[in-house]
Structures are given as structure tokens and as C-alpha cells.
Protein backbone atom coordinates (compact mmCIF):
# COMPACT_ATOMS: atom_id res chain seq x y z
CA MET A 1 3.09 18.06 -9.00
CA THR A 2 2.72 15.22 -6.54
CA ASP A 3 3.00 15.29 -2.76
CA LEU A 4 5.42 12.66 -1.45
CA VAL A 5 7.20 11.69 1.76
CA ALA A 6 10.86 10.63 1.81
CA LYS A 7 11.43 7.03 2.94
CA LYS A 8 15.23 7.25 2.91
CA SER A 9 17.66 10.12 3.25
CA MET A 10 18.16 11.63 -0.18
CA THR A 11 18.68 14.80 -2.16
CA TYR A 12 15.92 16.06 -4.43
CA ALA A 13 15.73 19.42 -6.18
CA THR A 14 18.75 20.73 -4.22
CA ARG A 15 17.09 19.84 -0.89
CA ARG A 16 18.50 17.36 1.58
CA LEU A 17 15.61 15.19 2.77
CA MET A 18 15.51 12.86 5.75
CA PRO A 19 13.07 9.96 6.18
CA GLY A 20 9.59 11.31 6.89
CA ASP A 21 10.19 14.73 5.31
CA PRO A 22 7.32 15.79 3.02
CA PHE A 23 8.15 17.28 -0.37
CA VAL A 24 6.57 17.92 -3.76
CA ALA A 25 7.87 16.11 -6.85
CA ARG A 26 8.35 18.32 -9.87
CA THR A 27 6.68 15.92 -12.30
CA THR A 28 4.60 12.77 -12.13
CA ALA A 29 7.44 10.92 -13.84
CA ASP A 30 9.78 11.93 -11.01
CA ALA A 31 7.19 10.81 -8.46
CA ARG A 32 6.74 7.41 -10.12
CA ALA A 33 10.51 6.88 -10.33
CA LEU A 34 11.12 7.84 -6.68
CA ILE A 35 8.32 5.52 -5.53
CA ALA A 36 9.57 2.68 -7.76
CA ILE A 37 13.11 2.82 -6.38
CA GLY A 38 11.84 3.04 -2.81
CA LYS A 39 13.14 6.50 -1.97
CA ALA A 40 9.69 8.06 -1.51
CA GLY A 41 6.08 7.14 -0.84
CA ARG A 42 2.68 8.71 -0.84
CA PRO A 43 1.74 10.56 2.35
CA ASP A 44 -1.58 8.72 2.73
CA GLY A 45 0.02 5.78 4.53
CA ASP A 46 0.33 3.29 1.68
CA GLY A 47 2.31 0.93 3.87
CA GLU A 48 -0.44 0.58 6.44
CA GLN A 49 -3.04 -0.17 3.79
CA LYS A 50 -0.77 -2.75 2.19
CA ALA A 51 -0.20 -4.45 5.53
CA GLU A 52 -3.97 -4.58 6.12
CA LEU A 53 -4.53 -6.08 2.67
CA ASP A 54 -1.79 -8.65 3.25
CA ASP A 55 -3.42 -9.70 6.52
CA LEU A 56 -6.85 -9.97 4.88
CA ARG A 57 -5.43 -11.99 1.99
CA ALA A 58 -3.76 -14.39 4.42
CA GLU A 59 -7.04 -14.78 6.33
CA TYR A 60 -8.87 -15.43 3.03
CA VAL A 61 -6.40 -18.19 2.16
CA LYS A 62 -6.85 -19.73 5.61
CA VAL A 63 -10.66 -19.64 5.46
CA VAL A 64 -11.34 -20.39 1.79
CA GLY A 65 -8.29 -22.48 0.94
CA LYS A 66 -7.27 -20.61 -2.20
CA ARG A 67 -5.69 -17.28 -3.05
CA PRO A 68 -7.94 -14.23 -3.49
CA PHE A 69 -8.26 -12.11 -6.62
CA HIS A 70 -5.47 -9.55 -6.34
CA GLY A 71 -7.68 -6.67 -7.49
CA TRP A 72 -10.03 -6.87 -4.50
CA ASP A 73 -9.87 -4.03 -2.01
CA ALA A 74 -10.07 -4.42 1.78
CA ALA A 75 -13.85 -4.08 1.95
CA THR A 76 -14.41 -6.77 -0.68
CA LEU A 77 -11.97 -9.13 1.03
CA GLN A 78 -13.74 -8.64 4.36
CA GLU A 79 -17.08 -9.44 2.72
CA LYS A 80 -15.71 -12.58 1.06
CA VAL A 81 -14.14 -13.80 4.31
CA ALA A 82 -17.37 -13.18 6.21
CA GLU A 83 -19.39 -15.06 3.55
CA ALA A 84 -16.97 -17.99 3.64
CA LYS A 85 -17.08 -18.17 7.45
CA GLU A 86 -20.87 -18.05 7.36
CA ALA A 87 -21.01 -20.80 4.75
CA LYS A 88 -18.70 -23.01 6.82
CA ALA A 89 -20.84 -22.44 9.94
CA ASP A 90 -23.93 -23.83 8.17
């Protein structure tokens, strides 16, 4: 069972859900499908983390001049940007 939050109004397991309503998916397959079609998301604020990563990736492109490795997390991107800025300052 996976905790999710509805992104759009929908019906799941005989419940009418409105955007922002928390619910528990019956199976992980249901959870993956609902996330994939955009009806639900994880309650940990995935959207905010994605926006932060997008901003860091854009800054990396601006500073370094090439696209970053897509598997880097926010901390790694911040380190790489700081190293690139320091190298340019020298």
C-alpha cells in the first residue's frame, strides 16, 4: 500500500477525491499507474523537488555551458555549480 495525494478530482476505490485529498493506493501497480497518468502524486512534495532540480540544472548550463548528468541530485548539482564558479573566478 502506498500513500498518495490526489492531483485532480477523481474516483478511487469508491471514494470521490478532490485535489489535495490524501489516500492509500491498494497496490503499487495502482500507485504507479495513477502517478503516470497524472491523477495522483506522492505526498512528499515531488513537484517542489523537481522545480528545485530544474532551477539547479538551468544554473549549471549557464555556468558550465553544457547540460548536467540527469542522475545528479540537488546536492551534487550545487557542488558542481560551486566548483565551476570557483574555477571561473581563478
